[in-house]
Amino acid sequence: MEVPPYLRIHSDGTVERLAGTQVAPPGLDLETNVLSKDILIQPQTSVTARLYRPNNTNHNHTKLPLLIYFHGGAFCISSPADPLYHNSLNRLVSEANVVALSVNYRLAPEHPLPAAYHDSWDAIQWAASHSFEGHETWLKENVDFDRVFLAGDSAGANIAHFMAIKLHHSSGSSNMKFFKIPGLIMIHPYFWGKEPIGVEATDPERKKMVDKWWELVCPSEKGNDDPLINPFVEEAPGFESVVCNNVLVIVAERDILKERGKLYHKTLVNNSAWKGKAELYEAEGEDHDFHIFNPDSDNAKSLLKRIAAFINNQD
């Protein structure tokens, strides 16, 4: 079974990943002066994360925002250690002057959804515990827990959305008492649906390809109208439950997923009871995750600056 361009499943059930398998070690990145290390989040599931901080944090006592990041890859490839993501997080941490936690959730098809959502929630709870206890000094000494941001690209943006809703419903729990989420950053979000909208209807080959991804990662009778991939269906959780007051939605002009990103922004602003402020940022002439694959481009650098401004302009 081929699931282009990501993986191949052999007749004996062996999964061969065709992308996202390379690994970059943590440590000091000399270009950005950002430190990173790998940490264990949940021993029972072996879920880990890569933690980042500017190398100069010990020289002053200013507390920094915390960015909890969920990587992309259609829920089935890549990791925080992927050199592309490792490089991107180093640059983002440097540009925005934040501490970042990049979550290494389990991948489908070996771990079908909702495993990735459960792992991501475990990571959020682990981070939140450091607002009143916990043992990780990088968080306890350097993080302002009144300024925690959720972010992700592609499948990671999908995860970020549902974590923002789960946080709303968990806001009264003791774990979240000192943990505030002023903003959500949705980069090229991976949402979909059975019926095409906008440019999806004019690109049947790419639509067929995207249709196949969800069939692999989430065995569901509802297919591409499962609420986890189509948050606009009636049975999906309401957008009014998005926990934060500020959302930045980022789309790319040539990305087939852009229609869903634009619809996400429109739903927040016009078609829900959510009361916050949502901004839409579109990168002209670019395709999906261009900033990950071509980080030295002018548009990629502009995108990082836009994200950094969003983080640092929130109260």
Protein backbone atom coordinates (compact mmCIF):
# COMPACT_ATOMS: atom_id res chain seq x y z
CA MET A 1 0.00 0.00 0.00
CA GLU A 2 1.43 3.38 -1.04
CA VAL A 3 0.53 6.60 0.74
CA PRO A 4 2.47 9.16 -1.29
CA PRO A 5 4.64 11.00 -0.53
CA TYR A 6 4.96 9.70 3.00
CA LEU A 7 5.14 5.96 3.41
CA ARG A 8 4.70 2.45 2.07
CA ILE A 9 3.01 -0.40 3.94
CA HIS A 10 4.26 -3.84 2.92
CA SER A 11 2.15 -6.98 2.74
CA ASP A 12 3.55 -8.22 6.07
CA GLY A 13 2.41 -4.99 7.73
CA THR A 14 5.88 -3.41 7.90
CA VAL A 15 5.77 0.38 7.61
CA GLU A 16 8.47 1.96 5.45
CA ARG A 17 8.65 5.71 5.87
CA LEU A 18 9.82 7.58 2.78
CA ALA A 19 10.35 10.94 4.48
CA GLY A 20 10.88 12.46 7.90
CA THR A 21 13.22 9.77 9.21
CA GLN A 22 16.45 11.73 9.62
CA VAL A 23 17.55 12.74 13.11
CA ALA A 24 19.44 15.81 14.30
CA PRO A 25 20.89 15.64 17.81
CA PRO A 26 19.98 18.23 20.44
CA GLY A 27 22.54 20.62 21.84
CA LEU A 28 23.82 24.13 21.19
CA ASP A 29 23.00 25.53 17.77
CA LEU A 30 25.84 27.91 16.98
CA GLU A 31 23.93 29.82 14.31
CA THR A 32 21.08 30.83 16.61
CA ASN A 33 22.70 30.40 20.06
CA VAL A 34 19.78 28.20 21.11
CA LEU A 35 20.17 25.20 23.42
CA SER A 36 18.03 22.06 23.19
CA LYS A 37 17.69 18.73 24.96
CA ASP A 38 15.38 15.72 24.80
CA ILE A 39 13.13 14.89 27.74
CA LEU A 40 10.76 12.09 28.72
CA ILE A 41 7.14 13.19 29.07
CA GLN A 42 5.22 9.99 29.71
CA PRO A 43 7.07 6.79 30.73
CA GLN A 44 4.05 4.55 30.10
CA THR A 45 3.90 5.48 26.39
CA SER A 46 7.55 6.54 25.98
CA VAL A 47 6.40 9.92 24.69
CA THR A 48 9.21 12.47 24.60
CA ALA A 49 9.71 16.11 23.63
CA ARG A 50 12.57 18.36 22.62
CA LEU A 51 12.98 21.38 24.87
CA TYR A 52 14.58 24.62 23.59
CA ARG A 53 15.76 27.82 25.24
CA PRO A 54 17.97 30.78 24.29
CA ASN A 55 21.51 30.21 25.53
CA ASN A 56 21.57 33.58 27.32
CA THR A 57 18.67 32.94 29.70
CA ASN A 58 20.94 32.37 32.70
CA HIS A 59 22.39 35.88 32.35
CA ASN A 60 19.16 37.65 33.22
CA HIS A 61 16.10 36.87 35.26
CA THR A 62 13.42 37.79 32.73
CA LYS A 63 10.79 35.09 32.35
CA LEU A 64 10.03 34.11 28.77
CA PRO A 65 6.88 32.92 26.99
CA LEU A 66 6.50 29.16 26.51
CA LEU A 67 5.68 27.87 23.03
CA ILE A 68 4.24 24.34 22.94
CA TYR A 69 4.76 23.13 19.39
CA PHE A 70 3.25 20.21 17.47
CA HIS A 71 5.09 19.20 14.29
CA GLY A 72 3.44 18.33 10.98
CA GLY A 73 3.67 15.25 8.79
CA ALA A 74 0.05 14.08 8.31
CA PHE A 75 0.21 12.34 11.72
CA CYS A 76 2.39 9.61 10.20
CA ILE A 77 5.93 10.94 9.65
CA SER A 78 8.58 13.21 11.16
CA SER A 79 9.51 14.19 14.71
CA PRO A 80 11.00 17.11 16.64
CA ALA A 81 14.42 15.59 15.84
CA ASP A 82 13.82 15.83 12.10
CA PRO A 83 16.58 18.22 10.95
CA LEU A 84 14.00 20.39 9.17
CA TYR A 85 11.93 20.86 12.33
CA HIS A 86 14.95 21.12 14.60
CA ASN A 87 16.33 23.92 12.44
CA SER A 88 12.94 25.65 12.29
CA LEU A 89 12.47 25.56 16.08
CA ASN A 90 15.99 26.85 16.71
CA ARG A 91 15.24 29.83 14.48
CA LEU A 92 11.82 30.47 15.97
CA VAL A 93 13.11 30.33 19.54
CA SER A 94 15.85 32.80 18.63
CA GLU A 95 13.54 35.16 16.72
CA ALA A 96 10.75 35.20 19.31
CA ASN A 97 12.95 34.84 22.43
CA VAL A 98 10.88 32.02 23.89
CA VAL A 99 11.28 28.65 25.54
CA ALA A 100 9.79 25.93 23.32
CA LEU A 101 8.55 22.41 23.92
CA SER A 102 8.32 20.41 20.67
CA VAL A 103 6.19 17.32 21.25
CA ASN A 104 7.22 13.92 19.90
CA TYR A 105 3.78 12.32 19.74
CA ARG A 106 3.34 8.73 18.52
CA LEU A 107 2.73 8.26 14.81
CA ALA A 108 0.10 6.44 12.77
CA PRO A 109 -0.45 3.84 11.41
CA GLU A 110 1.32 1.97 14.23
CA HIS A 111 -0.50 4.21 16.69
CA PRO A 112 -3.75 5.33 15.01
CA LEU A 113 -5.49 8.49 16.10
CA PRO A 114 -6.44 9.60 18.69
CA ALA A 115 -3.01 8.53 20.08
CA ALA A 116 -1.34 11.78 18.90
CA TYR A 117 -3.98 13.86 20.70
CA HIS A 118 -3.56 11.88 23.92
CA ASP A 119 0.23 12.28 23.78
CA SER A 120 -0.05 15.99 23.10
CA TRP A 121 -2.39 16.43 26.05
CA ASP A 122 0.07 14.56 28.27
CA ALA A 123 2.78 17.01 27.17
CA ILE A 124 0.58 20.02 27.98
CA GLN A 125 -0.23 18.61 31.42
CA TRP A 126 3.47 17.93 32.03
CA ALA A 127 4.33 21.51 31.11
CA ALA A 128 1.47 22.93 33.18
CA SER A 129 2.61 21.02 36.27
CA HIS A 130 5.76 23.17 36.31
CA SER A 131 3.68 26.25 37.06
CA PHE A 132 3.38 25.00 40.66
CA GLU A 133 5.73 22.01 40.98
CA GLY A 134 7.73 19.85 38.54
CA HIS A 135 11.44 19.18 38.24
CA GLU A 136 12.55 20.60 34.88
CA THR A 137 14.69 23.63 35.66
CA TRP A 138 14.50 25.05 32.12
CA LEU A 139 10.78 25.55 32.67
CA LYS A 140 10.77 26.47 36.36
CA GLU A 141 13.53 29.07 36.04
CA ASN A 142 12.80 30.58 32.64
CA VAL A 143 9.07 30.43 31.82
CA ASP A 144 6.29 32.92 32.44
CA PHE A 145 3.28 30.61 32.73
CA ASP A 146 0.92 33.51 32.07
CA ARG A 147 2.25 33.52 28.49
CA VAL A 148 1.91 30.02 27.07
CA PHE A 149 1.25 29.67 23.35
CA LEU A 150 0.10 26.67 21.35
CA ALA A 151 1.41 26.31 17.81
CA GLY A 152 1.75 23.76 15.06
CA ASP A 153 2.00 23.31 11.33
CA SER A 154 -0.17 21.06 9.18
CA ALA A 155 -1.22 18.06 11.33
CA GLY A 156 0.35 19.87 14.27
CA ALA A 157 -1.99 22.82 13.77
CA ASN A 158 -4.89 20.36 13.81
CA ILE A 159 -3.61 19.07 17.16
CA ALA A 160 -3.15 22.61 18.48
CA HIS A 161 -6.80 23.44 17.71
CA PHE A 162 -8.14 20.47 19.63
CA MET A 163 -5.75 21.07 22.53
CA ALA A 164 -7.04 24.67 22.71
CA ILE A 165 -10.57 23.32 23.03
CA LYS A 166 -9.59 20.71 25.62
CA LEU A 167 -7.82 23.39 27.63
CA HIS A 168 -11.04 25.43 27.72
CA HIS A 169 -12.89 22.52 29.27
CA SER A 170 -10.03 21.85 31.71
CA SER A 171 -9.42 25.46 32.77
CA GLY A 172 -10.93 24.88 36.21
CA SER A 173 -8.66 21.96 37.10
CA SER A 174 -5.86 22.43 39.63
CA ASN A 175 -3.22 21.53 37.01
CA MET A 176 -4.22 24.49 34.85
CA LYS A 177 -4.80 27.04 37.62
CA PHE A 178 -1.57 28.96 36.98
CA PHE A 179 -1.31 28.23 33.25
CA LYS A 180 -2.67 30.83 30.83
CA ILE A 181 -2.89 30.55 27.03
CA PRO A 182 -3.12 34.00 25.40
CA GLY A 183 -2.56 32.79 21.84
CA LEU A 184 -2.85 30.00 19.27
CA ILE A 185 -0.76 29.85 16.09
CA MET A 186 -2.19 27.74 13.24
CA ILE A 187 0.33 27.27 10.40
CA HIS A 188 -1.10 25.69 7.22
CA PRO A 189 -3.64 23.67 9.24
CA TYR A 190 -4.46 20.15 8.09
CA PHE A 191 -8.25 20.10 7.98
CA TRP A 192 -10.26 18.40 5.26
CA GLY A 193 -13.71 17.17 4.23
CA LYS A 194 -15.49 14.82 1.85
CA GLU A 195 -16.92 17.62 -0.27
CA PRO A 196 -14.36 19.87 -1.97
CA ILE A 197 -14.36 23.61 -1.46
CA GLY A 198 -12.60 26.32 -3.45
CA VAL A 199 -9.48 25.18 -5.31
CA GLU A 200 -9.89 21.63 -4.00
CA ALA A 201 -12.57 21.10 -6.66
CA THR A 202 -10.17 22.05 -9.46
CA ASP A 203 -7.32 19.77 -8.37
CA PRO A 204 -8.74 16.22 -8.24
CA GLU A 205 -5.34 14.50 -8.15
CA ARG A 206 -4.13 16.34 -5.08
CA LYS A 207 -7.54 15.98 -3.46
CA LYS A 208 -7.39 12.22 -3.97
CA MET A 209 -3.93 12.17 -2.38
CA VAL A 210 -5.08 14.11 0.70
CA ASP A 211 -8.21 11.95 0.98
CA LYS A 212 -5.96 8.89 1.32
CA TRP A 213 -3.89 10.31 4.17
CA TRP A 214 -6.80 10.40 6.60
CA GLU A 215 -7.91 6.88 5.73
CA LEU A 216 -4.47 5.71 6.86
CA VAL A 217 -4.14 7.57 10.15
CA CYS A 218 -7.69 7.44 11.50
CA PRO A 219 -9.86 4.36 10.93
CA SER A 220 -13.28 5.99 11.03
CA GLU A 221 -16.66 5.25 9.49
CA LYS A 222 -17.04 8.97 8.87
CA GLY A 223 -13.90 9.18 6.72
CA ASN A 224 -12.89 12.72 5.84
CA ASP A 225 -15.92 14.15 7.62
CA ASP A 226 -14.74 12.80 10.96
CA PRO A 227 -14.82 15.79 13.35
CA LEU A 228 -11.10 15.37 14.00
CA ILE A 229 -10.26 16.25 10.39
CA ASN A 230 -13.34 18.32 9.57
CA PRO A 231 -13.99 20.66 12.52
CA PHE A 232 -16.75 22.38 10.55
CA VAL A 233 -19.24 19.48 10.69
CA GLU A 234 -22.17 19.80 13.06
CA GLU A 235 -20.96 17.20 15.57
CA ALA A 236 -17.49 18.80 15.96
CA PRO A 237 -16.73 20.76 19.15
CA GLY A 238 -17.84 24.38 18.88
CA PHE A 239 -15.27 27.05 18.05
CA GLU A 240 -16.50 29.12 20.98
CA SER A 241 -14.51 26.69 23.17
CA VAL A 242 -11.12 27.75 21.76
CA VAL A 243 -9.43 28.74 25.01
CA CYS A 244 -7.38 31.77 23.95
CA ASN A 245 -8.39 35.27 22.94
CA ASN A 246 -5.93 35.62 20.06
CA VAL A 247 -5.42 33.33 17.06
CA LEU A 248 -3.03 33.68 14.13
CA VAL A 249 -4.03 31.61 11.10
CA ILE A 250 -1.33 31.23 8.44
CA VAL A 251 -1.99 29.91 4.93
CA ALA A 252 0.05 29.64 1.73
CA GLU A 253 -1.27 30.73 -1.66
CA ARG A 254 -0.44 27.48 -3.51
CA ASP A 255 -1.33 25.09 -0.70
CA ILE A 256 -4.38 22.90 -1.42
CA LEU A 257 -5.14 23.05 2.32
CA LYS A 258 -5.44 26.85 2.28
CA GLU A 259 -9.22 26.81 1.76
CA ARG A 260 -9.68 25.02 5.09
CA GLY A 261 -7.35 27.47 6.81
CA LYS A 262 -9.34 30.41 5.47
CA LEU A 263 -12.57 28.72 6.51
CA TYR A 264 -11.12 28.20 10.00
CA HIS A 265 -10.44 31.93 10.29
CA LYS A 266 -13.87 32.83 8.90
CA THR A 267 -15.59 30.44 11.29
CA LEU A 268 -13.82 31.92 14.29
CA VAL A 269 -14.61 35.50 13.29
CA ASN A 270 -18.05 35.30 11.70
CA ASN A 271 -19.68 31.93 12.33
CA SER A 272 -19.12 31.16 15.98
CA ALA A 273 -19.68 32.59 19.43
CA TRP A 274 -15.93 32.91 20.02
CA LYS A 275 -15.16 36.44 21.25
CA GLY A 276 -11.44 36.80 20.54
CA LYS A 277 -9.37 38.35 17.76
CA ALA A 278 -8.24 36.21 14.81
CA GLU A 279 -5.73 37.31 12.19
CA LEU A 280 -5.20 35.75 8.75
CA TYR A 281 -1.75 35.83 7.16
CA GLU A 282 -1.27 34.50 3.61
CA ALA A 283 2.16 33.91 2.06
CA GLU A 284 1.93 34.75 -1.63
CA GLY A 285 3.44 32.34 -4.15
CA GLU A 286 4.21 29.69 -1.53
CA ASP A 287 3.11 26.10 -0.93
CA HIS A 288 2.54 23.95 2.14
CA ASP A 289 5.20 24.25 4.88
CA PHE A 290 7.48 26.30 2.63
CA HIS A 291 9.14 27.82 5.71
CA ILE A 292 10.18 24.36 6.90
CA PHE A 293 11.61 23.24 3.55
CA ASN A 294 13.13 26.57 2.49
CA PRO A 295 13.93 28.42 5.72
CA ASP A 296 16.38 30.85 4.13
CA SER A 297 13.82 32.36 1.76
CA ASP A 298 12.62 35.90 2.34
CA ASN A 299 9.06 34.70 2.84
CA ALA A 300 10.16 32.18 5.45
CA LYS A 301 12.06 34.83 7.37
CA SER A 302 9.05 37.16 7.17
CA LEU A 303 6.82 34.39 8.48
CA LEU A 304 9.03 33.81 11.53
CA LYS A 305 9.03 37.53 12.25
CA ARG A 306 5.23 37.59 12.01
CA ILE A 307 4.93 34.71 14.47
CA ALA A 308 7.43 36.33 16.85
CA ALA A 309 5.51 39.61 16.73
CA PHE A 310 2.24 37.80 17.48
CA ILE A 311 3.78 36.14 20.54
CA ASN A 312 5.47 39.24 21.91
CA ASN A 313 2.54 41.60 21.35
CA GLN A 314 0.17 39.66 23.60
CA ASP A 315 -0.39 40.84 27.16
